[in-house]
C-alpha cells in the first residue's frame, strides 16, 4: 500500500477485507464518485471480453482501467450513496 493518510489507510484496509467481487464494485463506484467530484474524468468506455471497460484519468494524469461491474443503474446509485455515507461517517468527504 502506498503512503496514505491514516483515515484513508483505514478505508483501504476495509476495502481490502472485502471479497474480490465486492472490491471490484467498490472501486468502480468510488471512481464514479471521484468523477462526480471533479477529481478525475472518465476517458472512455470500450467493450471488453466480459463487458465494458472504463478508462479513467486522475487530475494528476494517472490513467487506469476498470471493468464495469454488472450493476443496474439503480444498484450503482444505491452503492454510490452507501459509499458516500461511509466516507462521510469517516470524515473523508
PDB file of N, CA and C in Angstrom:
ATOM      1  N   UNK A   1       0.846  -1.171   0.000  1.00  0.00           N
ATOM      2  CA  UNK A   1       0.000   0.000   0.000  1.00  0.00           C
ATOM      3  C   UNK A   1       0.894   1.238   0.000  1.00  0.00           C
ATOM      4  N   UNK A   2       0.524   2.251  -0.777  1.00  0.00           N
ATOM      5  CA  UNK A   2       1.307   3.477  -0.820  1.00  0.00           C
ATOM      6  C   UNK A   2       1.066   4.273   0.454  1.00  0.00           C
ATOM      7  N   UNK A   3       1.841   5.347   0.626  1.00  0.00           N
ATOM      8  CA  UNK A   3       1.660   6.198   1.801  1.00  0.00           C
ATOM      9  C   UNK A   3       0.332   6.925   1.697  1.00  0.00           C
ATOM     10  N   UNK A   4      -0.560   6.598   2.580  1.00  0.00           N
ATOM     11  CA  UNK A   4      -1.881   7.217   2.622  1.00  0.00           C
ATOM     12  C   UNK A   4      -2.066   7.892   3.970  1.00  0.00           C
ATOM     13  N   UNK A   5      -2.918   8.930   4.005  1.00  0.00           N
ATOM     14  CA  UNK A   5      -3.258   9.498   5.304  1.00  0.00           C
ATOM     15  C   UNK A   5      -3.918   8.421   6.165  1.00  0.00           C
ATOM     16  N   UNK A   6      -3.813   8.515   7.485  1.00  0.00           N
ATOM     17  CA  UNK A   6      -4.363   7.476   8.373  1.00  0.00           C
ATOM     18  C   UNK A   6      -5.825   7.139   8.091  1.00  0.00           C
ATOM     19  N   UNK A   7      -6.656   8.160   7.835  1.00  0.00           N
ATOM     20  CA  UNK A   7      -8.071   7.890   7.599  1.00  0.00           C
ATOM     21  C   UNK A   7      -8.292   7.107   6.304  1.00  0.00           C
ATOM     22  N   UNK A   8      -7.437   7.329   5.305  1.00  0.00           N
ATOM     23  CA  UNK A   8      -7.561   6.561   4.066  1.00  0.00           C
ATOM     24  C   UNK A   8      -6.992   5.162   4.227  1.00  0.00           C
ATOM     25  N   UNK A   9      -5.996   4.997   5.091  1.00  0.00           N
ATOM     26  CA  UNK A   9      -5.466   3.658   5.365  1.00  0.00           C
ATOM     27  C   UNK A   9      -6.553   2.774   5.957  1.00  0.00           C
ATOM     28  N   UNK A  10      -7.360   3.342   6.845  1.00  0.00           N
ATOM     29  CA  UNK A  10      -8.465   2.577   7.436  1.00  0.00           C
ATOM     30  C   UNK A  10      -9.469   2.171   6.369  1.00  0.00           C
ATOM     31  N   UNK A  11      -9.801   3.099   5.472  1.00  0.00           N
ATOM     32  CA  UNK A  11     -10.753   2.777   4.409  1.00  0.00           C
ATOM     33  C   UNK A  11     -10.159   1.739   3.465  1.00  0.00           C
ATOM     34  N   UNK A  12      -8.880   1.872   3.134  1.00  0.00           N
ATOM     35  CA  UNK A  12      -8.223   0.897   2.257  1.00  0.00           C
ATOM     36  C   UNK A  12      -8.215  -0.483   2.905  1.00  0.00           C
ATOM     37  N   UNK A  13      -7.976  -0.538   4.203  1.00  0.00           N
ATOM     38  CA  UNK A  13      -7.999  -1.823   4.911  1.00  0.00           C
ATOM     39  C   UNK A  13      -9.402  -2.421   4.891  1.00  0.00           C
ATOM     40  N   UNK A  14     -10.423  -1.577   5.072  1.00  0.00           N
ATOM     41  CA  UNK A  14     -11.816  -2.036   4.993  1.00  0.00           C
ATOM     42  C   UNK A  14     -12.092  -2.610   3.606  1.00  0.00           C
ATOM     43  N   UNK A  15     -11.682  -1.898   2.583  1.00  0.00           N
ATOM     44  CA  UNK A  15     -11.897  -2.350   1.207  1.00  0.00           C
ATOM     45  C   UNK A  15     -11.154  -3.653   0.936  1.00  0.00           C
ATOM     46  N   UNK A  16      -9.900  -3.731   1.390  1.00  0.00           N
ATOM     47  CA  UNK A  16      -9.095  -4.940   1.173  1.00  0.00           C
ATOM     48  C   UNK A  16      -9.676  -6.167   1.878  1.00  0.00           C
ATOM     49  N   UNK A  17     -10.456  -5.951   2.934  1.00  0.00           N
ATOM     50  CA  UNK A  17     -11.039  -7.065   3.685  1.00  0.00           C
ATOM     51  C   UNK A  17     -12.291  -7.638   3.015  1.00  0.00           C
ATOM     52  N   UNK A  18     -12.778  -6.967   1.971  1.00  0.00           N
ATOM     53  CA  UNK A  18     -13.986  -7.420   1.284  1.00  0.00           C
ATOM     54  C   UNK A  18     -13.643  -8.509   0.266  1.00  0.00           C
ATOM     55  N   UNK A  19     -14.625  -9.343  -0.087  1.00  0.00           N
ATOM     56  CA  UNK A  19     -14.398 -10.337  -1.145  1.00  0.00           C
ATOM     57  C   UNK A  19     -14.022  -9.636  -2.457  1.00  0.00           C
ATOM     58  N   UNK A  20     -13.304 -10.340  -3.319  1.00  0.00           N
ATOM     59  CA  UNK A  20     -12.794  -9.754  -4.565  1.00  0.00           C
ATOM     60  C   UNK A  20     -13.892  -9.096  -5.398  1.00  0.00           C
ATOM     61  N   UNK A  21     -15.041  -9.745  -5.531  1.00  0.00           N
ATOM     62  CA  UNK A  21     -16.122  -9.172  -6.318  1.00  0.00           C
ATOM     63  C   UNK A  21     -16.634  -7.867  -5.749  1.00  0.00           C
ATOM     64  N   UNK A  22     -16.689  -7.787  -4.437  1.00  0.00           N
ATOM     65  CA  UNK A  22     -17.139  -6.563  -3.771  1.00  0.00           C
ATOM     66  C   UNK A  22     -16.095  -5.463  -3.952  1.00  0.00           C
ATOM     67  N   UNK A  23     -14.819  -5.824  -3.864  1.00  0.00           N
ATOM     68  CA  UNK A  23     -13.748  -4.839  -4.068  1.00  0.00           C
ATOM     69  C   UNK A  23     -13.862  -4.202  -5.444  1.00  0.00           C
ATOM     70  N   UNK A  24     -14.110  -5.025  -6.460  1.00  0.00           N
ATOM     71  CA  UNK A  24     -14.224  -4.528  -7.835  1.00  0.00           C
ATOM     72  C   UNK A  24     -15.372  -3.533  -7.954  1.00  0.00           C
ATOM     73  N   UNK A  25     -16.503  -3.880  -7.371  1.00  0.00           N
ATOM     74  CA  UNK A  25     -17.670  -2.992  -7.437  1.00  0.00           C
ATOM     75  C   UNK A  25     -17.403  -1.703  -6.665  1.00  0.00           C
ATOM     76  N   UNK A  26     -16.807  -1.804  -5.476  1.00  0.00           N
ATOM     77  CA  UNK A  26     -16.473  -0.612  -4.686  1.00  0.00           C
ATOM     78  C   UNK A  26     -15.533   0.304  -5.462  1.00  0.00           C
ATOM     79  N   UNK A  27     -14.496  -0.266  -6.049  1.00  0.00           N
ATOM     80  CA  UNK A  27     -13.519   0.557  -6.789  1.00  0.00           C
ATOM     81  C   UNK A  27     -14.179   1.280  -7.951  1.00  0.00           C
ATOM     82  N   UNK A  28     -15.044   0.578  -8.665  1.00  0.00           N
ATOM     83  CA  UNK A  28     -15.744   1.188  -9.795  1.00  0.00           C
ATOM     84  C   UNK A  28     -16.629   2.343  -9.305  1.00  0.00           C
ATOM     85  N   UNK A  29     -17.437   2.097  -8.288  1.00  0.00           N
ATOM     86  CA  UNK A  29     -18.335   3.142  -7.781  1.00  0.00           C
ATOM     87  C   UNK A  29     -17.562   4.300  -7.153  1.00  0.00           C
ATOM     88  N   UNK A  30     -16.470   4.003  -6.482  1.00  0.00           N
ATOM     89  CA  UNK A  30     -15.631   5.059  -5.925  1.00  0.00           C
ATOM     90  C   UNK A  30     -15.038   5.916  -7.049  1.00  0.00           C
ATOM     91  N   UNK A  31     -14.670   5.283  -8.136  1.00  0.00           N
ATOM     92  CA  UNK A  31     -14.162   6.031  -9.298  1.00  0.00           C
ATOM     93  C   UNK A  31     -15.242   6.951  -9.854  1.00  0.00           C
ATOM     94  N   UNK A  32     -16.484   6.460  -9.943  1.00  0.00           N
ATOM     95  CA  UNK A  32     -17.578   7.309 -10.419  1.00  0.00           C
ATOM     96  C   UNK A  32     -17.788   8.494  -9.480  1.00  0.00           C
ATOM     97  N   UNK A  33     -17.647   8.255  -8.173  1.00  0.00           N
ATOM     98  CA  UNK A  33     -17.763   9.352  -7.212  1.00  0.00           C
ATOM     99  C   UNK A  33     -16.668  10.395  -7.443  1.00  0.00           C
ATOM    100  N   UNK A  34     -15.472   9.935  -7.743  1.00  0.00           N
ATOM    101  CA  UNK A  34     -14.354  10.849  -7.994  1.00  0.00           C
ATOM    102  C   UNK A  34     -14.598  11.659  -9.271  1.00  0.00           C
ATOM    103  N   UNK A  35     -15.225  11.039 -10.261  1.00  0.00           N
ATOM    104  CA  UNK A  35     -15.582  11.766 -11.484  1.00  0.00           C
ATOM    105  C   UNK A  35     -16.592  12.859 -11.133  1.00  0.00           C
ATOM    106  N   UNK A  36     -17.616  12.504 -10.361  1.00  0.00           N
ATOM    107  CA  UNK A  36     -18.626  13.491  -9.935  1.00  0.00           C
ATOM    108  C   UNK A  36     -17.986  14.657  -9.186  1.00  0.00           C
ATOM    109  N   UNK A  37     -16.953  14.359  -8.391  1.00  0.00           N
ATOM    110  CA  UNK A  37     -16.283  15.377  -7.571  1.00  0.00           C
ATOM    111  C   UNK A  37     -15.256  16.186  -8.366  1.00  0.00           C
ATOM    112  N   UNK A  38     -15.041  15.827  -9.634  1.00  0.00           N
ATOM    113  CA  UNK A  38     -14.073  16.550 -10.452  1.00  0.00           C
ATOM    114  C   UNK A  38     -12.629  16.163 -10.179  1.00  0.00           C
ATOM    115  N   UNK A  39     -12.402  15.050  -9.476  1.00  0.00           N
ATOM    116  CA  UNK A  39     -11.048  14.605  -9.141  1.00  0.00           C
ATOM    117  C   UNK A  39     -10.434  13.754 -10.245  1.00  0.00           C
ATOM    118  N   UNK A  40     -11.281  13.266 -11.146  1.00  0.00           N
ATOM    119  CA  UNK A  40     -10.801  12.548 -12.318  1.00  0.00           C
ATOM    120  C   UNK A  40     -11.901  12.545 -13.359  1.00  0.00           C
ATOM    121  N   UNK A  41     -11.557  12.048 -14.546  1.00  0.00           N
ATOM    122  CA  UNK A  41     -12.564  12.000 -15.605  1.00  0.00           C
ATOM    123  C   UNK A  41     -12.606  10.611 -16.223  1.00  0.00           C
ATOM    124  N   UNK A  42     -13.767  10.294 -16.729  1.00  0.00           N
ATOM    125  CA  UNK A  42     -13.961   9.048 -17.464  1.00  0.00           C
ATOM    126  C   UNK A  42     -13.519   9.333 -18.889  1.00  0.00           C
ATOM    127  N   UNK A  43     -12.417   8.710 -19.310  1.00  0.00           N
ATOM    128  CA  UNK A  43     -11.825   8.996 -20.605  1.00  0.00           C
ATOM    129  C   UNK A  43     -12.571   8.265 -21.716  1.00  0.00           C
ATOM    130  N   UNK A  44     -12.860   6.988 -21.467  1.00  0.00           N
ATOM    131  CA  UNK A  44     -13.589   6.225 -22.489  1.00  0.00           C
ATOM    132  C   UNK A  44     -14.147   4.950 -21.885  1.00  0.00           C
ATOM    133  N   UNK A  45     -15.112   4.418 -22.580  1.00  0.00           N
ATOM    134  CA  UNK A  45     -15.678   3.119 -22.249  1.00  0.00           C
ATOM    135  C   UNK A  45     -15.590   2.282 -23.517  1.00  0.00           C
ATOM    136  N   UNK A  46     -15.008   1.108 -23.405  1.00  0.00           N
ATOM    137  CA  UNK A  46     -14.819   0.237 -24.566  1.00  0.00           C
ATOM    138  C   UNK A  46     -15.300  -1.169 -24.224  1.00  0.00           C
ATOM    139  N   UNK A  47     -15.702  -1.918 -25.240  1.00  0.00           N
ATOM    140  CA  UNK A  47     -16.107  -3.303 -24.971  1.00  0.00           C
ATOM    141  C   UNK A  47     -14.904  -4.136 -24.535  1.00  0.00           C
ATOM    142  N   UNK A  48     -15.146  -5.036 -23.601  1.00  0.00           N
ATOM    143  CA  UNK A  48     -14.111  -5.953 -23.132  1.00  0.00           C
ATOM    144  C   UNK A  48     -14.605  -7.376 -23.279  1.00  0.00           C
ATOM    145  N   UNK A  49     -13.778  -8.325 -22.894  1.00  0.00           N
ATOM    146  CA  UNK A  49     -14.144  -9.738 -23.012  1.00  0.00           C
ATOM    147  C   UNK A  49     -15.375 -10.089 -22.184  1.00  0.00           C
ATOM    148  N   UNK A  50     -15.521  -9.450 -21.027  1.00  0.00           N
ATOM    149  CA  UNK A  50     -16.630  -9.778 -20.132  1.00  0.00           C
ATOM    150  C   UNK A  50     -17.522  -8.570 -19.853  1.00  0.00           C
ATOM    151  N   UNK A  51     -17.564  -7.640 -20.768  1.00  0.00           N
ATOM    152  CA  UNK A  51     -18.376  -6.432 -20.600  1.00  0.00           C
ATOM    153  C   UNK A  51     -17.544  -5.188 -20.833  1.00  0.00           C
ATOM    154  N   UNK A  52     -18.140  -4.050 -20.526  1.00  0.00           N
ATOM    155  CA  UNK A  52     -17.480  -2.767 -20.772  1.00  0.00           C
ATOM    156  C   UNK A  52     -16.284  -2.561 -19.847  1.00  0.00           C
ATOM    157  N   UNK A  53     -15.277  -1.885 -20.377  1.00  0.00           N
ATOM    158  CA  UNK A  53     -14.094  -1.500 -19.610  1.00  0.00           C
ATOM    159  C   UNK A  53     -14.009   0.022 -19.657  1.00  0.00           C
ATOM    160  N   UNK A  54     -13.960   0.643 -18.486  1.00  0.00           N
ATOM    161  CA  UNK A  54     -13.917   2.099 -18.376  1.00  0.00           C
ATOM    162  C   UNK A  54     -12.494   2.541 -18.054  1.00  0.00           C
ATOM    163  N   UNK A  55     -12.044   3.555 -18.772  1.00  0.00           N
ATOM    164  CA  UNK A  55     -10.716   4.110 -18.542  1.00  0.00           C
ATOM    165  C   UNK A  55     -10.886   5.488 -17.905  1.00  0.00           C
ATOM    166  N   UNK A  56     -10.190   5.681 -16.789  1.00  0.00           N
ATOM    167  CA  UNK A  56     -10.269   6.917 -16.020  1.00  0.00           C
ATOM    168  C   UNK A  56      -8.905   7.600 -16.036  1.00  0.00           C
ATOM    169  N   UNK A  57      -8.921   8.944 -15.890  1.00  0.00           N
ATOM    170  CA  UNK A  57      -7.688   9.719 -15.749  1.00  0.00           C
ATOM    171  C   UNK A  57      -7.844  10.653 -14.556  1.00  0.00           C
ATOM    172  N   UNK A  58      -6.872  10.596 -13.649  1.00  0.00           N
ATOM    173  CA  UNK A  58      -6.907  11.464 -12.473  1.00  0.00           C
ATOM    174  C   UNK A  58      -6.428  12.859 -12.842  1.00  0.00           C
ATOM    175  N   UNK A  59      -6.651  13.817 -11.955  1.00  0.00           N
ATOM    176  CA  UNK A  59      -6.177  15.181 -12.205  1.00  0.00           C
ATOM    177  C   UNK A  59      -4.658  15.222 -12.278  1.00  0.00           C
ATOM    178  N   UNK A  60      -3.988  14.237 -11.679  1.00  0.00           N
ATOM    179  CA  UNK A  60      -2.522  14.162 -11.731  1.00  0.00           C
ATOM    180  C   UNK A  60      -2.035  13.524 -13.029  1.00  0.00           C
ATOM    181  N   UNK A  61      -2.970  13.048 -13.876  1.00  0.00           N
ATOM    182  CA  UNK A  61      -2.593  12.455 -15.151  1.00  0.00           C
ATOM    183  C   UNK A  61      -2.436  10.952 -15.131  1.00  0.00           C
ATOM    184  N   UNK A  62      -2.680  10.307 -13.981  1.00  0.00           N
ATOM    185  CA  UNK A  62      -2.605   8.849 -13.911  1.00  0.00           C
ATOM    186  C   UNK A  62      -3.819   8.262 -14.624  1.00  0.00           C
ATOM    187  N   UNK A  63      -3.593   7.229 -15.420  1.00  0.00           N
ATOM    188  CA  UNK A  63      -4.658   6.586 -16.188  1.00  0.00           C
ATOM    189  C   UNK A  63      -4.769   5.132 -15.746  1.00  0.00           C
ATOM    190  N   UNK A  64      -6.002   4.674 -15.545  1.00  0.00           N
ATOM    191  CA  UNK A  64      -6.228   3.276 -15.189  1.00  0.00           C
ATOM    192  C   UNK A  64      -7.572   2.836 -15.732  1.00  0.00           C
ATOM    193  N   UNK A  65      -7.733   1.537 -15.881  1.00  0.00           N
ATOM    194  CA  UNK A  65      -8.971   0.974 -16.409  1.00  0.00           C
ATOM    195  C   UNK A  65      -9.583   0.010 -15.409  1.00  0.00           C
ATOM    196  N   UNK A  66     -10.914  -0.013 -15.404  1.00  0.00           N
ATOM    197  CA  UNK A  66     -11.676  -0.923 -14.552  1.00  0.00           C
ATOM    198  C   UNK A  66     -12.802  -1.534 -15.371  1.00  0.00           C
ATOM    199  N   UNK A  67     -13.057  -2.809 -15.142  1.00  0.00           N
ATOM    200  CA  UNK A  67     -14.213  -3.437 -15.767  1.00  0.00           C
ATOM    201  C   UNK A  67     -15.469  -2.886 -15.109  1.00  0.00           C
ATOM    202  N   UNK A  68     -16.460  -2.570 -15.925  1.00  0.00           N
ATOM    203  CA  UNK A  68     -17.737  -2.101 -15.377  1.00  0.00           C
ATOM    204  C   UNK A  68     -18.481  -3.310 -14.841  1.00  0.00           C
ATOM    205  N   UNK A  69     -18.803  -3.293 -13.540  1.00  0.00           N
ATOM    206  CA  UNK A  69     -19.494  -4.447 -12.959  1.00  0.00           C
ATOM    207  C   UNK A  69     -20.938  -4.537 -13.468  1.00  0.00           C
ATOM    208  N   UNK A  70     -21.501  -5.735 -13.429  1.00  0.00           N
ATOM    209  CA  UNK A  70     -22.867  -5.928 -13.924  1.00  0.00           C
ATOM    210  C   UNK A  70     -23.906  -5.411 -12.919  1.00  0.00           C
ATOM    211  N   UNK A  71     -24.042  -4.101 -12.831  1.00  0.00           N
ATOM    212  CA  UNK A  71     -24.998  -3.460 -11.922  1.00  0.00           C
ATOM    213  C   UNK A  71     -26.036  -2.694 -12.733  1.00  0.00           C
ATOM    214  N   UNK A  72     -27.258  -2.672 -12.254  1.00  0.00           N
ATOM    215  CA  UNK A  72     -28.259  -1.804 -12.865  1.00  0.00           C
ATOM    216  C   UNK A  72     -27.941  -0.368 -12.431  1.00  0.00           C
ATOM    217  N   UNK A  73     -28.524   0.600 -13.098  1.00  0.00           N
ATOM    218  CA  UNK A  73     -28.304   1.993 -12.712  1.00  0.00           C
ATOM    219  C   UNK A  73     -28.782   2.239 -11.285  1.00  0.00           C
ATOM    220  N   UNK A  74     -29.862   1.568 -10.886  1.00  0.00           N
ATOM    221  CA  UNK A  74     -30.388   1.717  -9.533  1.00  0.00           C
ATOM    222  C   UNK A  74     -29.401   1.150  -8.507  1.00  0.00           C
ATOM    223  N   UNK A  75     -28.841  -0.023  -8.792  1.00  0.00           N
ATOM    224  CA  UNK A  75     -27.866  -0.630  -7.884  1.00  0.00           C
ATOM    225  C   UNK A  75     -26.617   0.248  -7.780  1.00  0.00           C
ATOM    226  N   UNK A  76     -26.170   0.755  -8.920  1.00  0.00           N
ATOM    227  CA  UNK A  76     -24.996   1.627  -8.949  1.00  0.00           C
ATOM    228  C   UNK A  76     -25.234   2.869  -8.091  1.00  0.00           C
ATOM    229  N   UNK A  77     -26.390   3.507  -8.264  1.00  0.00           N
ATOM    230  CA  UNK A  77     -26.711   4.714  -7.496  1.00  0.00           C
ATOM    231  C   UNK A  77     -26.801   4.409  -5.998  1.00  0.00           C
ATOM    232  N   UNK A  78     -27.405   3.280  -5.652  1.00  0.00           N
ATOM    233  CA  UNK A  78     -27.533   2.908  -4.235  1.00  0.00           C
ATOM    234  C   UNK A  78     -26.167   2.658  -3.614  1.00  0.00           C
ATOM    235  N   UNK A  79     -25.279   1.980  -4.330  1.00  0.00           N
ATOM    236  CA  UNK A  79     -23.948   1.699  -3.792  1.00  0.00           C
ATOM    237  C   UNK A  79     -23.133   2.975  -3.660  1.00  0.00           C
ATOM    238  N   UNK A  80     -23.239   3.856  -4.637  1.00  0.00           N
ATOM    239  CA  UNK A  80     -22.530   5.140  -4.543  1.00  0.00           C
ATOM    240  C   UNK A  80     -23.011   5.906  -3.317  1.00  0.00           C
ATOM    241  N   UNK A  81     -24.312   5.885  -3.067  1.00  0.00           N
ATOM    242  CA  UNK A  81     -24.853   6.570  -1.892  1.00  0.00           C
ATOM    243  C   UNK A  81     -24.332   5.930  -0.602  1.00  0.00           C
ATOM    244  N   UNK A  82     -24.248   4.602  -0.575  1.00  0.00           N
ATOM    245  CA  UNK A  82     -23.717   3.910   0.602  1.00  0.00           C
ATOM    246  C   UNK A  82     -22.243   4.249   0.813  1.00  0.00           C
ATOM    247  N   UNK A  83     -21.472   4.273  -0.265  1.00  0.00           N
ATOM    248  CA  UNK A  83     -20.057   4.651  -0.156  1.00  0.00           C
ATOM    249  C   UNK A  83     -19.925   6.090   0.341  1.00  0.00           C
ATOM    250  N   UNK A  84     -20.761   6.960  -0.179  1.00  0.00           N
ATOM    251  CA  UNK A  84     -20.735   8.357   0.245  1.00  0.00           C
ATOM    252  C   UNK A  84     -21.022   8.451   1.743  1.00  0.00           C
ATOM    253  N   UNK A  85     -21.988   7.663   2.219  1.00  0.00           N
ATOM    254  CA  UNK A  85     -22.303   7.649   3.657  1.00  0.00           C
ATOM    255  C   UNK A  85     -21.115   7.163   4.485  1.00  0.00           C
ATOM    256  N   UNK A  86     -20.459   6.096   4.028  1.00  0.00           N
ATOM    257  CA  UNK A  86     -19.283   5.563   4.738  1.00  0.00           C
ATOM    258  C   UNK A  86     -18.190   6.627   4.805  1.00  0.00           C
ATOM    259  N   UNK A  87     -17.910   7.250   3.679  1.00  0.00           N
ATOM    260  CA  UNK A  87     -16.854   8.257   3.634  1.00  0.00           C
ATOM    261  C   UNK A  87     -17.214   9.485   4.470  1.00  0.00           C
ATOM    262  N   UNK A  88     -18.495   9.871   4.451  1.00  0.00           N
ATOM    263  CA  UNK A  88     -18.942  10.997   5.292  1.00  0.00           C
ATOM    264  C   UNK A  88     -18.793  10.644   6.761  1.00  0.00           C
ATOM    265  N   UNK A  89     -19.209   9.422   7.141  1.00  0.00           N
ATOM    266  CA  UNK A  89     -19.092   8.994   8.547  1.00  0.00           C
ATOM    267  C   UNK A  89     -17.647   9.006   9.023  1.00  0.00           C
ATOM    268  N   UNK A  90     -16.725   8.706   8.112  1.00  0.00           N
ATOM    269  CA  UNK A  90     -15.302   8.668   8.461  1.00  0.00           C
ATOM    270  C   UNK A  90     -14.641  10.035   8.295  1.00  0.00           C
ATOM    271  N   UNK A  91     -15.399  11.028   7.830  1.00  0.00           N
ATOM    272  CA  UNK A  91     -14.861  12.371   7.633  1.00  0.00           C
ATOM    273  C   UNK A  91     -13.938  12.497   6.442  1.00  0.00           C
ATOM    274  N   UNK A  92     -14.155  11.649   5.430  1.00  0.00           N
ATOM    275  CA  UNK A  92     -13.257  11.640   4.274  1.00  0.00           C
ATOM    276  C   UNK A  92     -13.781  12.442   3.098  1.00  0.00           C
ATOM    277  N   UNK A  93     -15.039  12.863   3.150  1.00  0.00           N
ATOM    278  CA  UNK A  93     -15.579  13.717   2.087  1.00  0.00           C
ATOM    279  C   UNK A  93     -16.308  14.886   2.701  1.00  0.00           C
TER     280      UNK A  93
END
